[in-house]
Protein backbone atom coordinates (compact mmCIF):
# COMPACT_ATOMS: atom_id res chain seq x y z
CA MET A 1 0.00 0.00 0.00
CA ARG A 2 2.77 2.35 0.91
CA SER A 3 5.35 3.71 -1.50
CA ALA A 4 8.98 2.66 -1.21
CA ALA A 5 11.31 4.62 1.03
CA THR A 6 12.23 7.45 -1.28
CA GLN A 7 13.60 10.89 -0.40
CA THR A 8 10.78 13.15 0.89
CA LEU A 9 9.95 16.71 -0.12
CA ASP A 10 10.97 19.43 2.30
CA SER A 11 8.22 21.86 3.28
CA SER A 12 10.38 24.81 2.31
CA VAL A 13 9.59 24.04 -1.35
CA LEU A 14 6.65 26.39 -0.95
CA SER A 15 8.90 29.41 -0.61
CA ALA A 16 11.81 28.18 -2.74
CA GLU A 17 9.98 27.55 -6.01
CA SER A 18 10.04 31.19 -7.15
CA ASP A 19 13.75 31.79 -6.58
CA THR A 20 15.54 30.94 -9.86
CA ASP A 21 18.20 33.63 -10.17
CA SER A 22 21.05 31.58 -8.73
CA ALA A 23 21.19 29.26 -11.75
CA THR A 24 22.09 31.93 -14.34
CA ASP A 25 25.83 31.52 -14.85
CA SER A 26 27.35 28.59 -16.70
CA ASN A 27 28.84 26.99 -13.60
CA SER A 28 25.43 26.93 -11.88
CA ALA A 29 23.82 25.61 -15.04
CA ARG A 30 26.25 22.71 -15.10
CA GLN A 31 25.42 21.96 -11.46
CA VAL A 32 21.71 22.06 -12.23
CA GLN A 33 22.07 19.76 -15.22
CA SER A 34 24.13 17.36 -13.10
CA ALA A 35 21.40 17.32 -10.48
CA ALA A 36 18.79 16.74 -13.17
CA ASP A 37 20.74 13.83 -14.63
CA THR A 38 21.05 12.35 -11.17
CA ALA A 39 17.31 12.65 -10.59
CA VAL A 40 16.47 10.98 -13.88
CA THR A 41 18.56 7.96 -12.95
CA GLY A 42 16.67 7.59 -9.69
CA GLN A 43 19.22 9.15 -7.34
CA LEU A 44 17.30 12.29 -6.47
CA GLY A 45 18.60 12.51 -2.94
CA ALA A 46 22.31 12.24 -3.82
CA GLU A 47 24.63 15.14 -2.99
CA PRO A 48 28.25 15.81 -3.98
CA SER A 49 30.58 14.71 -1.24
CA GLY A 50 33.50 16.62 0.22
CA PRO A 51 34.34 18.59 3.34
CA CYS A 52 33.73 21.98 1.71
CA THR A 53 30.56 21.14 -0.22
CA PRO A 54 27.47 22.73 1.39
CA ARG A 55 24.49 20.37 1.61
CA ARG A 56 21.43 21.80 -0.11
CA SER A 57 17.94 20.94 1.06
CA LEU A 58 15.79 18.64 -1.04
CA ALA A 59 13.47 21.57 -1.66
CA GLU A 60 16.37 23.48 -3.28
CA ARG A 61 17.25 20.48 -5.43
CA ILE A 62 13.61 20.11 -6.57
CA ARG A 63 13.55 23.84 -7.40
CA ARG A 64 16.73 23.54 -9.44
CA LEU A 65 15.36 20.54 -11.31
CA SER A 66 12.21 22.50 -12.12
CA VAL A 67 14.39 25.25 -13.64
CA ALA A 68 16.80 23.17 -15.73
CA GLY A 69 15.38 19.68 -15.57
CA PRO A 70 14.73 17.34 -18.47
CA THR A 71 13.28 19.01 -21.54
CA ARG A 72 9.57 18.34 -21.86
CA SER A 73 8.49 16.84 -25.15
CA GLN A 74 5.02 18.31 -24.60
CA PRO A 75 3.95 21.46 -22.78
CA ARG A 76 2.65 21.14 -19.23
CA PRO A 77 -1.11 20.67 -19.41
CA THR A 78 -3.27 23.17 -17.61
CA PRO A 79 -4.94 21.93 -14.40
CA GLU A 80 -8.28 22.07 -16.21
CA ALA A 81 -6.99 19.93 -19.06
CA LEU A 82 -5.45 17.46 -16.63
CA ALA A 83 -8.70 17.24 -14.68
CA ASP A 84 -10.58 16.55 -17.90
CA SER A 85 -8.16 13.81 -18.95
CA LEU A 86 -8.42 12.09 -15.54
CA GLY A 87 -12.18 12.41 -15.29
CA ALA A 88 -11.72 14.65 -12.26
CA GLU A 89 -12.81 18.11 -11.17
CA LEU A 90 -10.67 21.13 -10.30
CA ILE A 91 -12.14 22.12 -6.92
CA ALA A 92 -9.46 24.63 -5.91
CA PRO A 93 -6.30 26.05 -7.52
CA GLY A 94 -3.88 23.13 -7.67
CA LEU A 95 -6.33 20.57 -6.24
CA LEU A 96 -8.27 17.88 -8.12
CA GLN A 97 -11.12 15.76 -6.84
CA LEU A 98 -12.07 12.49 -8.52
CA GLU A 99 -15.10 10.37 -7.66
CA ARG A 100 -16.01 6.84 -8.66
CA GLN A 101 -18.92 4.66 -7.55
CA ARG A 102 -18.96 0.89 -7.28
CA PRO A 103 -22.17 -1.11 -6.68
CA LEU A 104 -22.11 -3.11 -3.47
CA SER A 105 -23.00 -6.17 -5.54
CA GLN A 106 -19.59 -5.96 -7.25
CA ARG A 107 -16.99 -8.58 -6.38
CA HIS A 108 -13.41 -7.70 -5.57
CA GLY A 109 -11.50 -10.94 -5.76
CA ARG A 110 -13.40 -13.71 -3.98
CA PHE A 111 -15.54 -11.38 -1.84
CA GLN A 112 -18.50 -9.14 -2.53
CA LEU A 113 -18.55 -5.54 -1.31
CA ALA A 114 -22.06 -5.85 0.14
CA LYS A 115 -20.90 -8.47 2.63
CA GLY A 116 -19.19 -5.71 4.56
CA LEU A 117 -22.58 -4.44 5.71
CA SER A 118 -23.42 -7.72 7.44
CA CYS A 119 -20.40 -7.43 9.75
CA CYS A 120 -22.38 -5.06 11.95
CA THR A 121 -24.93 -7.68 12.99
CA ARG A 122 -23.42 -11.11 12.37
CA GLY A 123 -22.11 -11.40 15.90
CA GLU A 124 -18.63 -12.45 14.84
CA PRO A 125 -15.84 -12.32 17.47
CA ASP A 126 -14.89 -8.68 17.83
CA LEU A 127 -12.10 -7.73 15.45
CA SER A 128 -10.69 -4.89 17.52
CA ARG A 129 -12.83 -4.48 20.65
CA LEU A 130 -14.97 -2.04 18.69
CA SER A 131 -18.73 -2.29 18.43
CA LEU A 132 -19.15 -1.65 14.72
CA PRO A 133 -21.58 1.23 14.14
CA ASP A 134 -23.84 1.97 11.19
CA ALA A 135 -21.96 1.15 7.99
CA GLU A 136 -22.91 4.38 6.23
CA GLY A 137 -20.72 6.22 8.71
CA TRP A 138 -17.62 4.19 7.90
CA ARG A 139 -14.71 5.84 6.11
CA PHE A 140 -12.07 3.75 4.36
CA LEU A 141 -8.79 5.68 4.22
CA ASP A 142 -5.67 5.25 2.09
CA THR A 143 -2.95 7.72 1.11
CA GLU A 144 -0.18 7.92 -1.46
CA THR A 145 2.83 9.77 -0.12
CA SER A 146 6.20 11.13 -1.12
CA GLY A 147 8.00 8.68 1.16
CA LEU A 148 7.91 6.54 4.28
CA ALA A 149 9.91 8.71 6.65
CA GLY A 150 6.94 10.59 8.08
CA GLY A 151 7.31 13.92 9.82
CA THR A 152 7.13 17.35 8.26
CA GLY A 153 9.11 16.35 5.16
CA THR A 154 6.61 13.77 3.91
CA TRP A 155 3.65 14.87 1.80
CA ALA A 156 0.37 13.05 1.23
CA PHE A 157 -0.26 13.93 -2.41
CA VAL A 158 -3.22 11.57 -2.86
CA VAL A 159 -5.81 11.02 -0.13
CA GLY A 160 -8.45 8.42 -0.96
CA ILE A 161 -11.62 8.10 1.15
CA GLY A 162 -14.29 5.45 0.61
CA ARG A 163 -17.80 5.59 2.07
CA ILE A 164 -20.99 3.59 1.72
CA GLN A 165 -23.94 5.45 0.24
CA GLY A 166 -27.06 3.39 -0.17
CA ALA A 167 -26.27 0.52 -2.53
CA GLU A 168 -22.91 1.95 -3.64
CA LEU A 169 -19.39 2.36 -2.41
CA CYS A 170 -18.29 5.90 -3.22
CA LEU A 171 -14.56 6.42 -3.74
CA ARG A 172 -13.39 10.03 -3.48
CA GLN A 173 -9.78 10.98 -4.15
CA TYR A 174 -7.92 14.24 -3.73
CA LEU A 175 -4.83 14.86 -5.88
CA LEU A 176 -2.39 17.62 -4.98
CA LEU A 177 -1.05 19.37 -8.11
CA GLU A 178 0.63 22.31 -6.37
CA LEU A 179 2.22 22.38 -2.95
CA ASP A 180 0.42 25.64 -2.17
CA ALA A 181 -2.91 23.77 -2.45
CA GLU A 182 -2.20 21.49 0.51
CA ALA A 183 -4.19 23.64 2.96
CA ALA A 184 -7.28 23.34 0.75
CA MET A 185 -6.85 19.56 0.48
CA MET A 186 -6.34 19.12 4.22
CA ALA A 187 -9.45 21.16 4.97
CA ARG A 188 -11.48 18.85 2.72
CA VAL A 189 -9.98 15.73 4.30
CA GLN A 190 -10.65 17.05 7.79
CA SER A 191 -14.29 17.71 6.93
CA GLU A 192 -14.73 14.24 5.40
CA LEU A 193 -13.27 12.39 8.38
CA ALA A 194 -15.15 14.51 10.91
CA ALA A 195 -18.38 13.00 9.58
CA ALA A 196 -17.19 9.42 10.19
CA ASN A 197 -18.28 7.09 12.99
CA LEU A 198 -15.54 4.57 12.19
CA LEU A 199 -12.26 4.97 10.32
CA ILE A 200 -10.94 1.83 8.60
CA SER A 201 -7.36 1.69 7.35
CA TYR A 202 -4.43 -0.64 6.77
CA ASN A 203 -1.39 0.38 8.82
CA GLY A 204 -3.09 3.73 9.33
CA LYS A 205 -2.39 3.69 13.06
CA ARG A 206 1.35 4.00 12.54
CA PHE A 207 1.51 5.79 9.18
CA ASP A 208 -1.53 7.40 7.53
CA LEU A 209 -3.11 9.00 10.59
CA PRO A 210 0.09 10.42 12.14
CA LEU A 211 1.02 11.81 8.71
CA LEU A 212 -2.39 13.45 8.23
CA GLU A 213 -2.25 14.86 11.77
CA THR A 214 1.11 16.44 10.93
CA ARG A 215 -0.07 17.91 7.64
CA LEU A 216 -3.28 19.25 9.23
CA ARG A 217 -1.40 21.05 11.99
CA LEU A 218 1.24 22.41 9.60
CA ASN A 219 -1.61 24.05 7.72
CA GLY A 220 -3.13 25.59 10.85
CA LEU A 221 -5.97 23.09 11.12
CA SER A 222 -7.06 21.08 14.13
CA GLY A 223 -6.21 17.39 14.18
CA LEU A 224 -8.59 14.47 13.92
CA SER A 225 -11.02 13.86 16.76
CA ASP A 226 -9.71 11.75 19.62
CA THR A 227 -13.14 10.13 19.90
CA LEU A 228 -13.12 8.78 16.34
CA ASP A 229 -12.94 4.98 16.48
CA HIS A 230 -10.23 3.57 14.26
CA LEU A 231 -10.07 0.00 13.01
CA ASP A 232 -6.61 -0.76 11.62
CA LEU A 233 -7.00 -4.06 9.77
CA LEU A 234 -3.26 -4.74 9.78
CA TYR A 235 -3.51 -6.02 13.35
CA PRO A 236 -6.21 -8.69 12.91
CA VAL A 237 -4.39 -9.79 9.74
CA ARG A 238 -1.17 -10.19 11.72
CA ARG A 239 -2.95 -12.16 14.44
CA ALA A 240 -4.35 -14.57 11.89
CA PHE A 241 -1.43 -14.90 9.48
CA ALA A 242 1.86 -13.51 10.84
CA ARG A 243 3.21 -17.05 11.36
CA ARG A 244 1.74 -18.30 8.09
CA TRP A 245 2.76 -15.67 5.52
CA PRO A 246 6.16 -14.14 4.66
CA ASP A 247 4.73 -10.71 5.54
CA CYS A 248 1.35 -9.07 6.13
CA CYS A 249 1.39 -6.20 3.63
CA LEU A 250 -1.84 -5.41 1.81
CA ALA A 251 -0.51 -6.95 -1.42
CA ARG A 252 0.00 -10.24 0.45
CA CYS A 253 -3.58 -10.08 1.73
CA GLU A 254 -4.80 -9.64 -1.81
CA GLN A 255 -2.80 -12.64 -3.02
CA ARG A 256 -3.43 -15.06 -0.15
CA LEU A 257 -6.84 -14.07 1.20
CA LEU A 258 -8.80 -11.88 -1.20
CA ASN A 259 -7.65 -13.57 -4.41
CA VAL A 260 -7.26 -10.18 -6.10
CA GLU A 261 -5.10 -9.93 -9.22
CA ARG A 262 -4.00 -6.47 -10.29
CA ASP A 263 -3.43 -6.22 -14.02
CA ASP A 264 -1.12 -3.43 -15.22
CA ASP A 265 -1.07 -1.86 -11.77
CA LEU A 266 1.53 0.80 -11.02
CA PRO A 267 3.73 -0.51 -8.20
CA GLY A 268 3.34 1.57 -5.07
CA ALA A 269 7.09 2.17 -5.06
CA GLU A 270 6.74 4.22 -8.25
CA ALA A 271 4.01 6.56 -6.99
CA PRO A 272 6.38 9.20 -5.54
CA ALA A 273 8.36 9.34 -8.78
CA ALA A 274 5.15 9.77 -10.77
CA TRP A 275 4.22 12.79 -8.65
CA LEU A 276 7.73 14.24 -8.89
CA ASP A 277 7.51 13.91 -12.68
CA TRP A 278 4.51 16.22 -12.53
CA LEU A 279 6.04 18.69 -10.09
CA ARG A 280 9.38 19.11 -11.83
CA ALA A 281 8.56 18.47 -15.49
CA GLY A 282 4.79 18.77 -15.82
CA SER A 283 4.48 15.17 -16.96
CA PRO A 284 1.07 13.70 -16.07
CA ALA A 285 1.80 10.34 -17.70
CA ARG A 286 1.54 8.21 -14.55
CA LEU A 287 -0.83 10.21 -12.36
CA GLY A 288 -3.84 8.26 -13.61
CA ALA A 289 -2.10 5.00 -12.71
CA VAL A 290 -1.40 6.31 -9.19
CA LEU A 291 -5.08 7.13 -8.71
CA ARG A 292 -6.10 3.70 -10.00
CA HIS A 293 -3.66 2.05 -7.58
CA ASN A 294 -5.17 4.03 -4.72
CA ARG A 295 -8.73 3.05 -5.70
CA LEU A 296 -7.78 -0.62 -5.74
CA ASP A 297 -6.34 -0.23 -2.25
CA LEU A 298 -9.66 1.23 -1.08
CA LEU A 299 -11.62 -1.63 -2.66
CA SER A 300 -9.37 -4.13 -0.90
CA LEU A 301 -10.01 -2.37 2.40
CA ALA A 302 -13.75 -2.56 1.82
CA VAL A 303 -13.73 -6.33 1.35
CA LEU A 304 -11.02 -7.11 3.90
CA LEU A 305 -13.34 -6.47 6.82
CA PRO A 306 -15.90 -9.15 5.82
CA ALA A 307 -13.03 -11.41 4.78
CA LEU A 308 -11.55 -11.26 8.28
CA ALA A 309 -14.97 -11.96 9.78
CA GLU A 310 -15.07 -15.16 7.72
CA VAL A 311 -11.52 -16.01 8.78
CA GLN A 312 -12.61 -15.83 12.40
CA SER A 313 -15.62 -18.05 11.81
CA GLN A 314 -13.75 -20.54 9.57
CA PRO A 315 -10.05 -20.09 10.40
CA GLN A 316 -8.90 -23.46 9.14
CA ALA A 317 -10.50 -22.89 5.73
CA PHE A 318 -8.18 -19.90 5.25
CA GLY A 319 -5.08 -21.38 6.89
CA ALA A 320 -5.24 -18.99 9.85
CA ASP A 321 -3.22 -19.32 13.05
CA LEU A 322 -5.62 -20.86 15.60
CA LEU A 323 -3.25 -20.39 18.52
CA SER A 324 -2.79 -16.68 17.84
CA LEU A 325 -6.53 -16.14 17.41
CA ALA A 326 -7.26 -17.98 20.67
CA ARG A 327 -4.66 -15.99 22.59
CA HIS A 328 -6.18 -12.75 21.30
CA LEU A 329 -9.60 -13.84 22.50
CA LEU A 330 -8.14 -14.67 25.91
CA ARG A 331 -6.48 -11.24 26.16
CA SER A 332 -9.84 -9.74 25.25
CA GLY A 333 -11.55 -11.57 28.10
CA GLN A 334 -13.34 -14.03 25.82
CA ALA A 335 -12.19 -17.33 27.36
CA GLN A 336 -15.31 -19.24 26.34
CA GLU A 337 -14.94 -18.13 22.73
CA ALA A 338 -11.26 -19.13 22.78
CA GLU A 339 -12.07 -22.60 24.13
CA ARG A 340 -14.89 -23.04 21.64
CA LEU A 341 -12.57 -22.07 18.77
CA LEU A 342 -9.88 -24.58 19.80
CA GLU A 343 -12.33 -27.41 20.58
CA SER A 344 -13.87 -27.09 17.12
CA HIS A 345 -10.46 -27.90 15.60
CA LEU A 346 -9.25 -30.38 18.24
CA LEU A 347 -7.93 -33.03 15.86
CA SER A 348 -5.79 -30.60 13.87
CA LEU A 349 -4.40 -28.44 16.69
CA GLU A 350 -0.69 -27.89 16.94
CA PRO A 351 0.78 -28.98 20.31
CA ALA A 352 1.04 -25.45 21.72
CA ALA A 353 -2.60 -24.75 20.89
CA ALA A 354 -3.63 -28.10 22.40
CA LEU A 355 -1.89 -27.12 25.64
CA VAL A 356 -3.85 -23.87 25.75
CA LEU A 357 -7.09 -25.80 25.24
CA ALA A 358 -6.20 -28.25 28.04
CA GLN A 359 -5.44 -25.34 30.35
CA LEU A 360 -8.87 -23.82 29.65
CA GLN A 361 -10.53 -27.17 30.29
CA ARG A 362 -8.61 -27.58 33.54
CA ARG A 363 -9.77 -24.16 34.73
CA ARG A 364 -13.42 -25.12 34.44
CA GLY A 365 -12.86 -28.56 35.98
CA ALA A 366 -13.14 -30.62 32.79
CA TRP A 367 -10.35 -32.94 33.96
CA SER A 368 -11.04 -35.90 31.70
CA GLU A 369 -10.82 -33.75 28.55
CA ALA A 370 -7.65 -32.06 29.74
CA VAL A 371 -6.00 -35.34 30.77
CA SER A 372 -6.80 -36.84 27.38
CA ILE A 373 -4.94 -34.00 25.65
CA TRP A 374 -1.95 -34.22 28.03
CA GLN A 375 -1.65 -37.98 27.55
CA ARG A 376 -1.71 -37.61 23.78
CA LEU A 377 0.99 -34.93 23.87
CA ALA A 378 3.15 -36.84 26.39
CA ALA A 379 3.13 -39.89 24.15
CA ASP A 380 5.03 -37.95 21.48
CA ALA A 381 8.47 -37.71 23.04
CA MET A 382 9.73 -35.60 20.13
CA ALA A 383 7.11 -32.86 20.61
CA ASP A 384 8.15 -29.70 22.44
CA ALA A 385 4.87 -29.86 24.36
CA ALA A 386 5.63 -33.34 25.76
CA VAL A 387 7.51 -32.00 28.78
CA ALA A 388 4.74 -29.56 29.67
CA ALA A 389 2.18 -32.34 29.30
CA LEU A 390 4.17 -34.67 31.60
CA VAL A 391 4.37 -31.96 34.25
CA GLU A 392 0.61 -31.44 34.08
CA LEU A 393 -0.02 -35.17 34.34
CA ALA A 394 2.29 -35.44 37.37
CA LYS A 395 0.49 -32.54 39.05
CA TYR A 396 -2.90 -34.05 38.25
CA GLN A 397 -1.99 -37.45 39.72
CA GLU A 398 -0.45 -35.89 42.82
CA HIS A 399 -2.95 -33.18 43.67
CA VAL A 400 -6.24 -34.37 42.16
CA LYS A 401 -6.06 -38.16 42.19
CA GLY A 402 -3.66 -38.50 45.13
CA ASP A 403 -1.74 -41.22 43.30
CA LEU A 404 1.85 -40.41 44.26
CA ALA A 405 3.27 -43.50 42.58
CA GLN A 406 1.71 -42.56 39.24
CA ALA A 407 2.78 -38.94 39.72
CA LEU A 408 6.36 -40.11 40.29
CA ALA A 409 6.14 -42.33 37.21
CA TYR A 410 5.34 -39.28 35.07
CA ALA A 411 8.01 -37.19 36.82
CA GLU A 412 10.63 -39.86 36.11
CA GLN A 413 10.05 -39.30 32.38
CA LEU A 414 10.97 -35.63 32.64
CA PRO A 415 14.40 -34.55 31.38
CA ASP A 416 17.10 -33.63 33.84
CA GLY A 417 16.85 -30.17 35.35
CA GLU A 418 16.73 -28.53 38.76
CA ALA A 419 12.96 -28.11 38.84
CA HIS A 420 12.35 -31.67 37.67
CA ARG A 421 14.90 -33.11 40.11
CA HIS A 422 13.18 -31.21 42.91
CA ARG A 423 9.77 -32.56 41.86
CA ARG A 424 11.04 -36.16 41.77
CA ALA A 425 12.77 -35.82 45.16
CA ARG A 426 9.66 -34.35 46.76
CA LEU A 427 7.45 -37.09 45.38
CA ARG A 428 9.83 -39.78 46.63
CA ARG A 429 9.80 -38.26 50.12
CA ARG A 430 6.04 -38.03 50.16
CA LEU A 431 5.71 -41.60 48.90
CA MET A 432 8.13 -42.84 51.59
CA GLN A 433 6.25 -40.91 54.30
CA ARG A 434 2.95 -42.36 53.14
CA ASN A 435 4.33 -45.89 53.28
CA LEU A 436 5.44 -45.27 56.88
CA GLN A 437 2.13 -43.74 58.01
CA PRO A 438 -0.93 -45.66 59.20
CA ARG A 439 -3.57 -46.19 56.55
CA GLY A 440 -5.85 -43.18 56.08
CA ALA A 441 -3.43 -40.64 57.55
CA GLU A 442 -2.50 -39.07 54.18
CA ALA A 443 -4.03 -35.66 53.54
CA THR A 444 -6.97 -35.34 51.16
CA PRO A 445 -5.88 -34.54 47.56
CA GLN A 446 -6.35 -30.95 46.40
CA ALA A 447 -9.12 -30.30 43.91
CA ASN A 448 -7.29 -27.54 42.04
CA PRO A 449 -3.51 -27.99 41.72
């Protein structure tokens, strides 16, 4: 979703663009042309090295490229002409707005957009401890930026916002054509998000929202409301698939979960360069592809929510991590849901997940079910969970059944170690003391070891 880590634009570009006098002599012209050549080859952030060479800001380098950059084969189109070619509208000087509608009956990969509406009432395990409100108040958010660094030097040049209107998903995008138009764009974005009852993003918690907060405040606007609920879908994806997939980027979700294939899509890594082409040379060639990439991201967000609801109801069908999902439910105070999830996949549980299930069964006194799991795990001497299972069986025999001999038999199978040696020694002492005591003198076994 995010662009590659490219050099970001410095905010001082706003004041530096009009100053072109310093490139008039031949020596300066050669420096400018050198910088332009460097930019064309993809090394925009490079600077001459040397102890006496002053380091110019990126804003100054962008300004110089705009003065003596690559010769344009065609004149820079007017904003109105560019808006017309993109199917957009010029809503302020230097700011385009583009809108597209998609019927909720449309499929995006293997899922249908309309299924997102049912997430409000299906009663699925809570994705993020949020009670999902009315779907028409949702806002799906995705940005295209000049880099990944964040802070005041990173610009959001495309802000895409999706919302549900009746039977359609409306996709609205703002495209920044001039840096001076950022205040107008941020005001529009602020107004759009202020009307939301739930913000849905992918990695927005750590990237998109902090970036927008920065840009809003730099333009003298108030930040986003602290009361706005935010559902960042990266986190439920990580819970379900972090141990199953190489990574959890949105592109991976599309490949592995949504079954979305992007034909002729502009890679996100090229989006900053496409915008710089426009800023420095007036080339609009790839701006349409950037907007299309952003719209596809928004569509994936819209179907990812219902997709994750299905993952939670049928985790094995999607290859999800049962142990991670169960642990999340436990942290959320949903022990019954966690036990129900694991019990429904008992025969296919990995040993660590089986141990968690046995622990939950032990807590509610379902000893026979827990013992059955421990015995199965203990029988596999090669399993990492075998030692933990043997310890539980020894504790069960000692404290619940009162069978010290059987408890010692399990303890004898434990590998060498201080704790295990201590357990075996204690059991031997207790067994010896019992043999020396009159019948019936042994204390009553504990019900909850």
